[in-house]
Amino acid sequence: MKTLVTDLGFNNYGTLGRGESPADLLTVEQSRRWADLDGRCVRIGEAECDVTDVDGTYSAWLDEIGAEFVILRPDFYVAATASDTAGLQASLDTILAGLHLTVDVTTPAA
């Protein structure tokens, strides 16, 4: 049974990672802002991952595009790819900056 990107449970933005979990590689600030967007990080691989790449479809796709990480928009278009941690963090910073997110100062922090 193949798993489609739409089956990964992304309600908003999503980050796929092969090998390392994208969640473990984000800065504290990136993790906070990603959570504010309801962004999800998914590690794909053969074992002990969030999603098992049973038939190698994801691995083949990542090889084809030369990436270890993919950031997906809510409409499932690829927003960015990265081949390493620095690229993932830089791409995520660019995306977050482009969204022009603001902080609601009228609501006290929990």
PDB file of N, CA and C in Angstrom:
ATOM      1  N   MET A   1       0.842  -1.183   0.000  1.00  0.00           N
ATOM      2  CA  MET A   1       0.000   0.000   0.000  1.00  0.00           C
ATOM      3  C   MET A   1       0.883   1.240   0.000  1.00  0.00           C
ATOM      4  N   LYS A   2       0.661   2.134  -0.920  1.00  0.00           N
ATOM      5  CA  LYS A   2       1.439   3.357  -1.008  1.00  0.00           C
ATOM      6  C   LYS A   2       0.847   4.424  -0.105  1.00  0.00           C
ATOM      7  N   THR A   3       1.720   5.212   0.476  1.00  0.00           N
ATOM      8  CA  THR A   3       1.296   6.346   1.274  1.00  0.00           C
ATOM      9  C   THR A   3       1.478   7.594   0.437  1.00  0.00           C
ATOM     10  N   LEU A   4       0.424   8.367   0.275  1.00  0.00           N
ATOM     11  CA  LEU A   4       0.494   9.611  -0.450  1.00  0.00           C
ATOM     12  C   LEU A   4       0.843  10.729   0.520  1.00  0.00           C
ATOM     13  N   VAL A   5       1.401  11.805  -0.004  1.00  0.00           N
ATOM     14  CA  VAL A   5       1.711  12.956   0.846  1.00  0.00           C
ATOM     15  C   VAL A   5       0.460  13.426   1.561  1.00  0.00           C
ATOM     16  N   THR A   6      -0.677  13.338   0.906  1.00  0.00           N
ATOM     17  CA  THR A   6      -1.935  13.768   1.526  1.00  0.00           C
ATOM     18  C   THR A   6      -2.357  12.872   2.684  1.00  0.00           C
ATOM     19  N   ASP A   7      -1.752  11.705   2.811  1.00  0.00           N
ATOM     20  CA  ASP A   7      -2.080  10.780   3.898  1.00  0.00           C
ATOM     21  C   ASP A   7      -1.212  10.981   5.139  1.00  0.00           C
ATOM     22  N   LEU A   8      -0.300  11.927   5.112  1.00  0.00           N
ATOM     23  CA  LEU A   8       0.648  12.084   6.209  1.00  0.00           C
ATOM     24  C   LEU A   8       0.099  12.904   7.364  1.00  0.00           C
ATOM     25  N   GLY A   9      -1.095  13.402   7.257  1.00  0.00           N
ATOM     26  CA  GLY A   9      -1.719  14.107   8.373  1.00  0.00           C
ATOM     27  C   GLY A   9      -1.356  15.571   8.473  1.00  0.00           C
ATOM     28  N   PHE A  10      -0.900  16.161   7.371  1.00  0.00           N
ATOM     29  CA  PHE A  10      -0.597  17.585   7.392  1.00  0.00           C
ATOM     30  C   PHE A  10      -1.896  18.363   7.283  1.00  0.00           C
ATOM     31  N   ASN A  11      -2.158  19.232   8.248  1.00  0.00           N
ATOM     32  CA  ASN A  11      -3.315  20.111   8.191  1.00  0.00           C
ATOM     33  C   ASN A  11      -2.919  21.473   7.655  1.00  0.00           C
ATOM     34  N   ASN A  12      -1.645  21.736   7.679  1.00  0.00           N
ATOM     35  CA  ASN A  12      -1.132  23.020   7.239  1.00  0.00           C
ATOM     36  C   ASN A  12       0.204  22.753   6.572  1.00  0.00           C
ATOM     37  N   TYR A  13       1.244  23.377   7.010  1.00  0.00           N
ATOM     38  CA  TYR A  13       2.570  23.141   6.444  1.00  0.00           C
ATOM     39  C   TYR A  13       3.139  21.824   6.970  1.00  0.00           C
ATOM     40  N   GLY A  14       4.039  21.240   6.206  1.00  0.00           N
ATOM     41  CA  GLY A  14       4.674  20.002   6.622  1.00  0.00           C
ATOM     42  C   GLY A  14       6.117  19.945   6.178  1.00  0.00           C
ATOM     43  N   THR A  15       6.925  19.248   6.945  1.00  0.00           N
ATOM     44  CA  THR A  15       8.323  19.030   6.597  1.00  0.00           C
ATOM     45  C   THR A  15       8.588  17.539   6.624  1.00  0.00           C
ATOM     46  N   LEU A  16       9.083  17.022   5.513  1.00  0.00           N
ATOM     47  CA  LEU A  16       9.480  15.622   5.420  1.00  0.00           C
ATOM     48  C   LEU A  16      10.992  15.547   5.519  1.00  0.00           C
ATOM     49  N   GLY A  17      11.477  14.576   6.255  1.00  0.00           N
ATOM     50  CA  GLY A  17      12.916  14.377   6.350  1.00  0.00           C
ATOM     51  C   GLY A  17      13.274  12.919   6.215  1.00  0.00           C
ATOM     52  N   ARG A  18      14.368  12.665   5.550  1.00  0.00           N
ATOM     53  CA  ARG A  18      14.857  11.301   5.409  1.00  0.00           C
ATOM     54  C   ARG A  18      16.097  11.173   6.287  1.00  0.00           C
ATOM     55  N   GLY A  19      16.116  10.141   7.088  1.00  0.00           N
ATOM     56  CA  GLY A  19      17.265   9.933   7.978  1.00  0.00           C
ATOM     57  C   GLY A  19      17.056  10.603   9.314  1.00  0.00           C
ATOM     58  N   GLU A  20      17.231  11.907   9.352  1.00  0.00           N
ATOM     59  CA  GLU A  20      17.058  12.648  10.595  1.00  0.00           C
ATOM     60  C   GLU A  20      15.660  13.263  10.634  1.00  0.00           C
ATOM     61  N   SER A  21      15.135  13.385  11.843  1.00  0.00           N
ATOM     62  CA  SER A  21      13.831  14.013  11.998  1.00  0.00           C
ATOM     63  C   SER A  21      13.982  15.522  11.851  1.00  0.00           C
ATOM     64  N   PRO A  22      13.208  16.142  10.968  1.00  0.00           N
ATOM     65  CA  PRO A  22      13.281  17.592  10.840  1.00  0.00           C
ATOM     66  C   PRO A  22      13.020  18.312  12.165  1.00  0.00           C
ATOM     67  N   ALA A  23      12.147  17.761  12.977  1.00  0.00           N
ATOM     68  CA  ALA A  23      11.813  18.394  14.261  1.00  0.00           C
ATOM     69  C   ALA A  23      13.040  18.544  15.154  1.00  0.00           C
ATOM     70  N   ASP A  24      13.963  17.600  15.072  1.00  0.00           N
ATOM     71  CA  ASP A  24      15.161  17.640  15.903  1.00  0.00           C
ATOM     72  C   ASP A  24      16.198  18.631  15.396  1.00  0.00           C
ATOM     73  N   LEU A  25      16.023  19.148  14.200  1.00  0.00           N
ATOM     74  CA  LEU A  25      17.028  20.001  13.567  1.00  0.00           C
ATOM     75  C   LEU A  25      16.648  21.477  13.543  1.00  0.00           C
ATOM     76  N   LEU A  26      15.408  21.783  13.894  1.00  0.00           N
ATOM     77  CA  LEU A  26      14.976  23.172  13.888  1.00  0.00           C
ATOM     78  C   LEU A  26      15.493  23.896  15.125  1.00  0.00           C
ATOM     79  N   THR A  27      15.704  25.197  14.993  1.00  0.00           N
ATOM     80  CA  THR A  27      16.072  25.995  16.158  1.00  0.00           C
ATOM     81  C   THR A  27      14.853  26.090  17.079  1.00  0.00           C
ATOM     82  N   VAL A  28      15.070  26.545  18.287  1.00  0.00           N
ATOM     83  CA  VAL A  28      13.960  26.699  19.234  1.00  0.00           C
ATOM     84  C   VAL A  28      12.922  27.663  18.667  1.00  0.00           C
ATOM     85  N   GLU A  29      13.372  28.775  18.104  1.00  0.00           N
ATOM     86  CA  GLU A  29      12.452  29.766  17.531  1.00  0.00           C
ATOM     87  C   GLU A  29      11.700  29.192  16.335  1.00  0.00           C
ATOM     88  N   GLN A  30      12.388  28.465  15.473  1.00  0.00           N
ATOM     89  CA  GLN A  30      11.714  27.840  14.333  1.00  0.00           C
ATOM     90  C   GLN A  30      10.674  26.835  14.801  1.00  0.00           C
ATOM     91  N   SER A  31      11.014  26.049  15.790  1.00  0.00           N
ATOM     92  CA  SER A  31      10.064  25.063  16.325  1.00  0.00           C
ATOM     93  C   SER A  31       8.820  25.737  16.870  1.00  0.00           C
ATOM     94  N   ARG A  32       9.001  26.844  17.572  1.00  0.00           N
ATOM     95  CA  ARG A  32       7.869  27.580  18.135  1.00  0.00           C
ATOM     96  C   ARG A  32       6.982  28.144  17.033  1.00  0.00           C
ATOM     97  N   ARG A  33       7.603  28.764  16.049  1.00  0.00           N
ATOM     98  CA  ARG A  33       6.829  29.373  14.966  1.00  0.00           C
ATOM     99  C   ARG A  33       6.167  28.308  14.088  1.00  0.00           C
ATOM    100  N   TRP A  34       6.844  27.185  13.883  1.00  0.00           N
ATOM    101  CA  TRP A  34       6.269  26.083  13.095  1.00  0.00           C
ATOM    102  C   TRP A  34       5.040  25.531  13.817  1.00  0.00           C
ATOM    103  N   ALA A  35       5.145  25.399  15.132  1.00  0.00           N
ATOM    104  CA  ALA A  35       4.003  24.920  15.931  1.00  0.00           C
ATOM    105  C   ALA A  35       2.844  25.917  15.867  1.00  0.00           C
ATOM    106  N   ASP A  36       3.156  27.204  15.854  1.00  0.00           N
ATOM    107  CA  ASP A  36       2.103  28.225  15.740  1.00  0.00           C
ATOM    108  C   ASP A  36       1.334  28.079  14.432  1.00  0.00           C
ATOM    109  N   LEU A  37       2.011  27.578  13.395  1.00  0.00           N
ATOM    110  CA  LEU A  37       1.362  27.360  12.095  1.00  0.00           C
ATOM    111  C   LEU A  37       0.691  25.995  12.000  1.00  0.00           C
ATOM    112  N   ASP A  38       0.764  25.233  13.065  1.00  0.00           N
ATOM    113  CA  ASP A  38       0.306  23.850  13.056  1.00  0.00           C
ATOM    114  C   ASP A  38       1.115  23.028  12.048  1.00  0.00           C
ATOM    115  N   GLY A  39       2.380  23.417  11.885  1.00  0.00           N
ATOM    116  CA  GLY A  39       3.278  22.692  10.994  1.00  0.00           C
ATOM    117  C   GLY A  39       3.665  21.350  11.603  1.00  0.00           C
ATOM    118  N   ARG A  40       3.844  20.374  10.761  1.00  0.00           N
ATOM    119  CA  ARG A  40       4.184  19.026  11.230  1.00  0.00           C
ATOM    120  C   ARG A  40       5.502  18.589  10.608  1.00  0.00           C
ATOM    121  N   CYS A  41       6.290  17.893  11.370  1.00  0.00           N
ATOM    122  CA  CYS A  41       7.541  17.320  10.889  1.00  0.00           C
ATOM    123  C   CYS A  41       7.407  15.802  10.879  1.00  0.00           C
ATOM    124  N   VAL A  42       7.789  15.194   9.773  1.00  0.00           N
ATOM    125  CA  VAL A  42       7.669  13.749   9.619  1.00  0.00           C
ATOM    126  C   VAL A  42       9.000  13.185   9.146  1.00  0.00           C
ATOM    127  N   ARG A  43       9.466  12.191   9.848  1.00  0.00           N
ATOM    128  CA  ARG A  43      10.677  11.474   9.457  1.00  0.00           C
ATOM    129  C   ARG A  43      10.271  10.234   8.665  1.00  0.00           C
ATOM    130  N   ILE A  44      10.826  10.116   7.466  1.00  0.00           N
ATOM    131  CA  ILE A  44      10.503   9.002   6.585  1.00  0.00           C
ATOM    132  C   ILE A  44      11.728   8.110   6.454  1.00  0.00           C
ATOM    133  N   GLY A  45      11.513   6.813   6.529  1.00  0.00           N
ATOM    134  CA  GLY A  45      12.631   5.886   6.388  1.00  0.00           C
ATOM    135  C   GLY A  45      12.172   4.444   6.396  1.00  0.00           C
ATOM    136  N   GLU A  46      13.126   3.578   6.630  1.00  0.00           N
ATOM    137  CA  GLU A  46      12.829   2.154   6.585  1.00  0.00           C
ATOM    138  C   GLU A  46      12.419   1.590   7.938  1.00  0.00           C
ATOM    139  N   ALA A  47      12.923   2.147   9.017  1.00  0.00           N
ATOM    140  CA  ALA A  47      12.598   1.623  10.345  1.00  0.00           C
ATOM    141  C   ALA A  47      12.655   2.745  11.372  1.00  0.00           C
ATOM    142  N   GLU A  48      11.893   2.576  12.450  1.00  0.00           N
ATOM    143  CA  GLU A  48      11.865   3.526  13.558  1.00  0.00           C
ATOM    144  C   GLU A  48      11.658   4.967  13.091  1.00  0.00           C
ATOM    145  N   CYS A  49      10.729   5.151  12.190  1.00  0.00           N
ATOM    146  CA  CYS A  49      10.400   6.467  11.652  1.00  0.00           C
ATOM    147  C   CYS A  49       8.925   6.748  11.864  1.00  0.00           C
ATOM    148  N   ASP A  50       8.538   7.988  11.613  1.00  0.00           N
ATOM    149  CA  ASP A  50       7.123   8.342  11.690  1.00  0.00           C
ATOM    150  C   ASP A  50       6.335   7.637  10.585  1.00  0.00           C
ATOM    151  N   VAL A  51       6.949   7.549   9.407  1.00  0.00           N
ATOM    152  CA  VAL A  51       6.334   6.898   8.255  1.00  0.00           C
ATOM    153  C   VAL A  51       7.367   5.962   7.640  1.00  0.00           C
ATOM    154  N   THR A  52       6.984   4.705   7.446  1.00  0.00           N
ATOM    155  CA  THR A  52       7.875   3.734   6.828  1.00  0.00           C
ATOM    156  C   THR A  52       7.713   3.793   5.314  1.00  0.00           C
ATOM    157  N   ASP A  53       8.822   3.987   4.645  1.00  0.00           N
ATOM    158  CA  ASP A  53       8.844   4.045   3.183  1.00  0.00           C
ATOM    159  C   ASP A  53       8.955   2.617   2.651  1.00  0.00           C
ATOM    160  N   VAL A  54       7.846   1.902   2.678  1.00  0.00           N
ATOM    161  CA  VAL A  54       7.805   0.467   2.412  1.00  0.00           C
ATOM    162  C   VAL A  54       8.403   0.106   1.058  1.00  0.00           C
ATOM    163  N   ASP A  55       7.988   0.798   0.020  1.00  0.00           N
ATOM    164  CA  ASP A  55       8.449   0.429  -1.320  1.00  0.00           C
ATOM    165  C   ASP A  55       9.507   1.370  -1.886  1.00  0.00           C
ATOM    166  N   GLY A  56      10.016   2.285  -1.063  1.00  0.00           N
ATOM    167  CA  GLY A  56      11.095   3.171  -1.495  1.00  0.00           C
ATOM    168  C   GLY A  56      10.665   4.342  -2.353  1.00  0.00           C
ATOM    169  N   THR A  57       9.366   4.615  -2.425  1.00  0.00           N
ATOM    170  CA  THR A  57       8.862   5.708  -3.260  1.00  0.00           C
ATOM    171  C   THR A  57       9.402   7.063  -2.815  1.00  0.00           C
ATOM    172  N   TYR A  58       9.326   7.341  -1.527  1.00  0.00           N
ATOM    173  CA  TYR A  58       9.818   8.628  -1.026  1.00  0.00           C
ATOM    174  C   TYR A  58      11.325   8.740  -1.215  1.00  0.00           C
ATOM    175  N   SER A  59      12.046   7.692  -0.907  1.00  0.00           N
ATOM    176  CA  SER A  59      13.502   7.701  -1.054  1.00  0.00           C
ATOM    177  C   SER A  59      13.906   7.954  -2.505  1.00  0.00           C
ATOM    178  N   ALA A  60      13.224   7.311  -3.438  1.00  0.00           N
ATOM    179  CA  ALA A  60      13.519   7.508  -4.858  1.00  0.00           C
ATOM    180  C   ALA A  60      13.230   8.959  -5.271  1.00  0.00           C
ATOM    181  N   TRP A  61      12.116   9.502  -4.783  1.00  0.00           N
ATOM    182  CA  TRP A  61      11.777  10.887  -5.097  1.00  0.00           C
ATOM    183  C   TRP A  61      12.821  11.844  -4.530  1.00  0.00           C
ATOM    184  N   LEU A  62      13.215  11.642  -3.267  1.00  0.00           N
ATOM    185  CA  LEU A  62      14.226  12.515  -2.663  1.00  0.00           C
ATOM    186  C   LEU A  62      15.555  12.407  -3.403  1.00  0.00           C
ATOM    187  N   ASP A  63      15.925  11.203  -3.821  1.00  0.00           N
ATOM    188  CA  ASP A  63      17.143  11.029  -4.626  1.00  0.00           C
ATOM    189  C   ASP A  63      17.036  11.819  -5.932  1.00  0.00           C
ATOM    190  N   GLU A  64      15.877  11.720  -6.576  1.00  0.00           N
ATOM    191  CA  GLU A  64      15.659  12.378  -7.865  1.00  0.00           C
ATOM    192  C   GLU A  64      15.794  13.891  -7.770  1.00  0.00           C
ATOM    193  N   ILE A  65      15.314  14.470  -6.673  1.00  0.00           N
ATOM    194  CA  ILE A  65      15.373  15.926  -6.524  1.00  0.00           C
ATOM    195  C   ILE A  65      16.597  16.381  -5.724  1.00  0.00           C
ATOM    196  N   GLY A  66      17.432  15.442  -5.304  1.00  0.00           N
ATOM    197  CA  GLY A  66      18.662  15.779  -4.588  1.00  0.00           C
ATOM    198  C   GLY A  66      18.431  16.394  -3.227  1.00  0.00           C
ATOM    199  N   ALA A  67      17.467  15.873  -2.500  1.00  0.00           N
ATOM    200  CA  ALA A  67      17.101  16.464  -1.210  1.00  0.00           C
ATOM    201  C   ALA A  67      17.032  15.416  -0.110  1.00  0.00           C
ATOM    202  N   GLU A  68      17.250  15.874   1.107  1.00  0.00           N
ATOM    203  CA  GLU A  68      17.023  15.066   2.304  1.00  0.00           C
ATOM    204  C   GLU A  68      15.784  15.567   3.048  1.00  0.00           C
ATOM    205  N   PHE A  69      15.389  16.809   2.732  1.00  0.00           N
ATOM    206  CA  PHE A  69      14.248  17.446   3.391  1.00  0.00           C
ATOM    207  C   PHE A  69      13.386  18.154   2.355  1.00  0.00           C
ATOM    208  N   VAL A  70      12.068  18.136   2.600  1.00  0.00           N
ATOM    209  CA  VAL A  70      11.118  18.840   1.748  1.00  0.00           C
ATOM    210  C   VAL A  70      10.138  19.572   2.649  1.00  0.00           C
ATOM    211  N   ILE A  71       9.923  20.844   2.359  1.00  0.00           N
ATOM    212  CA  ILE A  71       8.921  21.632   3.077  1.00  0.00           C
ATOM    213  C   ILE A  71       7.730  21.784   2.146  1.00  0.00           C
ATOM    214  N   LEU A  72       6.570  21.368   2.637  1.00  0.00           N
ATOM    215  CA  LEU A  72       5.345  21.396   1.829  1.00  0.00           C
ATOM    216  C   LEU A  72       4.404  22.491   2.296  1.00  0.00           C
ATOM    217  N   ARG A  73       3.787  23.145   1.329  1.00  0.00           N
ATOM    218  CA  ARG A  73       2.762  24.134   1.630  1.00  0.00           C
ATOM    219  C   ARG A  73       1.462  23.414   1.979  1.00  0.00           C
ATOM    220  N   PRO A  74       0.470  24.144   2.513  1.00  0.00           N
ATOM    221  CA  PRO A  74      -0.819  23.519   2.832  1.00  0.00           C
ATOM    222  C   PRO A  74      -1.523  22.895   1.624  1.00  0.00           C
ATOM    223  N   ASP A  75      -1.237  23.389   0.415  1.00  0.00           N
ATOM    224  CA  ASP A  75      -1.846  22.823  -0.792  1.00  0.00           C
ATOM    225  C   ASP A  75      -0.993  21.687  -1.378  1.00  0.00           C
ATOM    226  N   PHE A  76       0.016  21.256  -0.621  1.00  0.00           N
ATOM    227  CA  PHE A  76       0.907  20.136  -0.945  1.00  0.00           C
ATOM    228  C   PHE A  76       1.905  20.426  -2.060  1.00  0.00           C
ATOM    229  N   TYR A  77       2.006  21.670  -2.486  1.00  0.00           N
ATOM    230  CA  TYR A  77       3.087  22.036  -3.386  1.00  0.00           C
ATOM    231  C   TYR A  77       4.380  22.103  -2.579  1.00  0.00           C
ATOM    232  N   VAL A  78       5.494  21.829  -3.212  1.00  0.00           N
ATOM    233  CA  VAL A  78       6.787  21.902  -2.543  1.00  0.00           C
ATOM    234  C   VAL A  78       7.184  23.368  -2.417  1.00  0.00           C
ATOM    235  N   ALA A  79       7.378  23.808  -1.190  1.00  0.00           N
ATOM    236  CA  ALA A  79       7.801  25.180  -0.931  1.00  0.00           C
ATOM    237  C   ALA A  79       9.320  25.296  -0.990  1.00  0.00           C
ATOM    238  N   ALA A  80      10.024  24.251  -0.566  1.00  0.00           N
ATOM    239  CA  ALA A  80      11.488  24.280  -0.557  1.00  0.00           C
ATOM    240  C   ALA A  80      12.021  22.868  -0.366  1.00  0.00           C
ATOM    241  N   THR A  81      13.252  22.680  -0.776  1.00  0.00           N
ATOM    242  CA  THR A  81      13.961  21.437  -0.515  1.00  0.00           C
ATOM    243  C   THR A  81      15.313  21.799   0.086  1.00  0.00           C
ATOM    244  N   ALA A  82      15.906  20.835   0.782  1.00  0.00           N
ATOM    245  CA  ALA A  82      17.229  21.058   1.367  1.00  0.00           C
ATOM    246  C   ALA A  82      17.972  19.736   1.419  1.00  0.00           C
ATOM    247  N   SER A  83      19.273  19.835   1.288  1.00  0.00           N
ATOM    248  CA  SER A  83      20.091  18.632   1.326  1.00  0.00           C
ATOM    249  C   SER A  83      20.791  18.447   2.666  1.00  0.00           C
ATOM    250  N   ASP A  84      20.701  19.473   3.539  1.00  0.00           N
ATOM    251  CA  ASP A  84      21.344  19.360   4.849  1.00  0.00           C
ATOM    252  C   ASP A  84      20.627  20.243   5.866  1.00  0.00           C
ATOM    253  N   THR A  85      21.085  20.170   7.114  1.00  0.00           N
ATOM    254  CA  THR A  85      20.451  20.923   8.204  1.00  0.00           C
ATOM    255  C   THR A  85      20.481  22.422   7.955  1.00  0.00           C
ATOM    256  N   ALA A  86      21.632  22.944   7.533  1.00  0.00           N
ATOM    257  CA  ALA A  86      21.749  24.389   7.292  1.00  0.00           C
ATOM    258  C   ALA A  86      20.759  24.833   6.220  1.00  0.00           C
ATOM    259  N   GLY A  87      20.613  24.044   5.177  1.00  0.00           N
ATOM    260  CA  GLY A  87      19.669  24.378   4.120  1.00  0.00           C
ATOM    261  C   GLY A  87      18.237  24.324   4.599  1.00  0.00           C
ATOM    262  N   LEU A  88      17.917  23.338   5.424  1.00  0.00           N
ATOM    263  CA  LEU A  88      16.573  23.234   5.993  1.00  0.00           C
ATOM    264  C   LEU A  88      16.255  24.458   6.837  1.00  0.00           C
ATOM    265  N   GLN A  89      17.159  24.820   7.719  1.00  0.00           N
ATOM    266  CA  GLN A  89      16.927  25.968   8.591  1.00  0.00           C
ATOM    267  C   GLN A  89      16.819  27.268   7.793  1.00  0.00           C
ATOM    268  N   ALA A  90      17.681  27.444   6.795  1.00  0.00           N
ATOM    269  CA  ALA A  90      17.642  28.660   5.972  1.00  0.00           C
ATOM    270  C   ALA A  90      16.339  28.731   5.177  1.00  0.00           C
ATOM    271  N   SER A  91      15.935  27.610   4.603  1.00  0.00           N
ATOM    272  CA  SER A  91      14.689  27.585   3.833  1.00  0.00           C
ATOM    273  C   SER A  91      13.490  27.889   4.719  1.00  0.00           C
ATOM    274  N   LEU A  92      13.471  27.310   5.902  1.00  0.00           N
ATOM    275  CA  LEU A  92      12.358  27.546   6.816  1.00  0.00           C
ATOM    276  C   LEU A  92      12.330  29.005   7.262  1.00  0.00           C
ATOM    277  N   ASP A  93      13.496  29.592   7.535  1.00  0.00           N
ATOM    278  CA  ASP A  93      13.541  31.014   7.890  1.00  0.00           C
ATOM    279  C   ASP A  93      12.969  31.873   6.771  1.00  0.00           C
ATOM    280  N   THR A  94      13.318  31.564   5.534  1.00  0.00           N
ATOM    281  CA  THR A  94      12.820  32.317   4.382  1.00  0.00           C
ATOM    282  C   THR A  94      11.302  32.203   4.271  1.00  0.00           C
ATOM    283  N   ILE A  95      10.789  31.001   4.430  1.00  0.00           N
ATOM    284  CA  ILE A  95       9.340  30.792   4.354  1.00  0.00           C
ATOM    285  C   ILE A  95       8.628  31.521   5.476  1.00  0.00           C
ATOM    286  N   LEU A  96       9.124  31.387   6.694  1.00  0.00           N
ATOM    287  CA  LEU A  96       8.487  32.048   7.835  1.00  0.00           C
ATOM    288  C   LEU A  96       8.520  33.568   7.677  1.00  0.00           C
ATOM    289  N   ALA A  97       9.629  34.112   7.183  1.00  0.00           N
ATOM    290  CA  ALA A  97       9.721  35.556   6.970  1.00  0.00           C
ATOM    291  C   ALA A  97       8.734  36.007   5.891  1.00  0.00           C
ATOM    292  N   GLY A  98       8.566  35.195   4.867  1.00  0.00           N
ATOM    293  CA  GLY A  98       7.658  35.533   3.781  1.00  0.00           C
ATOM    294  C   GLY A  98       6.190  35.511   4.177  1.00  0.00           C
ATOM    295  N   LEU A  99       5.870  34.823   5.241  1.00  0.00           N
ATOM    296  CA  LEU A  99       4.483  34.754   5.703  1.00  0.00           C
ATOM    297  C   LEU A  99       4.069  36.004   6.477  1.00  0.00           C
ATOM    298  N   HIS A 100       5.053  36.825   6.893  1.00  0.00           N
ATOM    299  CA  HIS A 100       4.782  38.069   7.614  1.00  0.00           C
ATOM    300  C   HIS A 100       3.894  37.823   8.828  1.00  0.00           C
ATOM    301  N   LEU A 101       4.252  36.824   9.620  1.00  0.00           N
ATOM    302  CA  LEU A 101       3.487  36.501  10.818  1.00  0.00           C
ATOM    303  C   LEU A 101       3.650  37.596  11.853  1.00  0.00           C
ATOM    304  N   THR A 102       2.582  37.844  12.586  1.00  0.00           N
ATOM    305  CA  THR A 102       2.629  38.833  13.659  1.00  0.00           C
ATOM    306  C   THR A 102       2.255  38.161  14.967  1.00  0.00           C
ATOM    307  N   VAL A 103       2.638  38.798  16.044  1.00  0.00           N
ATOM    308  CA  VAL A 103       2.333  38.281  17.376  1.00  0.00           C
ATOM    309  C   VAL A 103       1.164  39.074  17.928  1.00  0.00           C
ATOM    310  N   ASP A 104       0.183  38.384  18.480  1.00  0.00           N
ATOM    311  CA  ASP A 104      -0.970  39.025  19.101  1.00  0.00           C
ATOM    312  C   ASP A 104      -0.554  39.466  20.497  1.00  0.00           C
ATOM    313  N   VAL A 105      -0.308  40.762  20.672  1.00  0.00           N
ATOM    314  CA  VAL A 105       0.145  41.284  21.964  1.00  0.00           C
ATOM    315  C   VAL A 105      -0.998  41.499  22.943  1.00  0.00           C
ATOM    316  N   THR A 106      -2.234  41.331  22.501  1.00  0.00           N
ATOM    317  CA  THR A 106      -3.365  41.514  23.408  1.00  0.00           C
ATOM    318  C   THR A 106      -3.675  40.256  24.209  1.00  0.00           C
ATOM    319  N   THR A 107      -3.139  39.130  23.788  1.00  0.00           N
ATOM    320  CA  THR A 107      -3.372  37.865  24.490  1.00  0.00           C
ATOM    321  C   THR A 107      -2.140  37.521  25.309  1.00  0.00           C
ATOM    322  N   PRO A 108      -2.274  37.390  26.627  1.00  0.00           N
ATOM    323  CA  PRO A 108      -1.109  37.055  27.447  1.00  0.00           C
ATOM    324  C   PRO A 108      -0.576  35.662  27.094  1.00  0.00           C
ATOM    325  N   ALA A 109       0.731  35.546  27.158  1.00  0.00           N
ATOM    326  CA  ALA A 109       1.370  34.247  26.877  1.00  0.00           C
ATOM    327  C   ALA A 109       0.998  33.252  27.963  1.00  0.00           C
ATOM    328  N   ALA A 110       0.830  32.007  27.560  1.00  0.00           N
ATOM    329  CA  ALA A 110       0.456  30.951  28.526  1.00  0.00           C
ATOM    330  C   ALA A 110       1.661  30.503  29.321  1.00  0.00           C
TER     331      ALA A 110
END
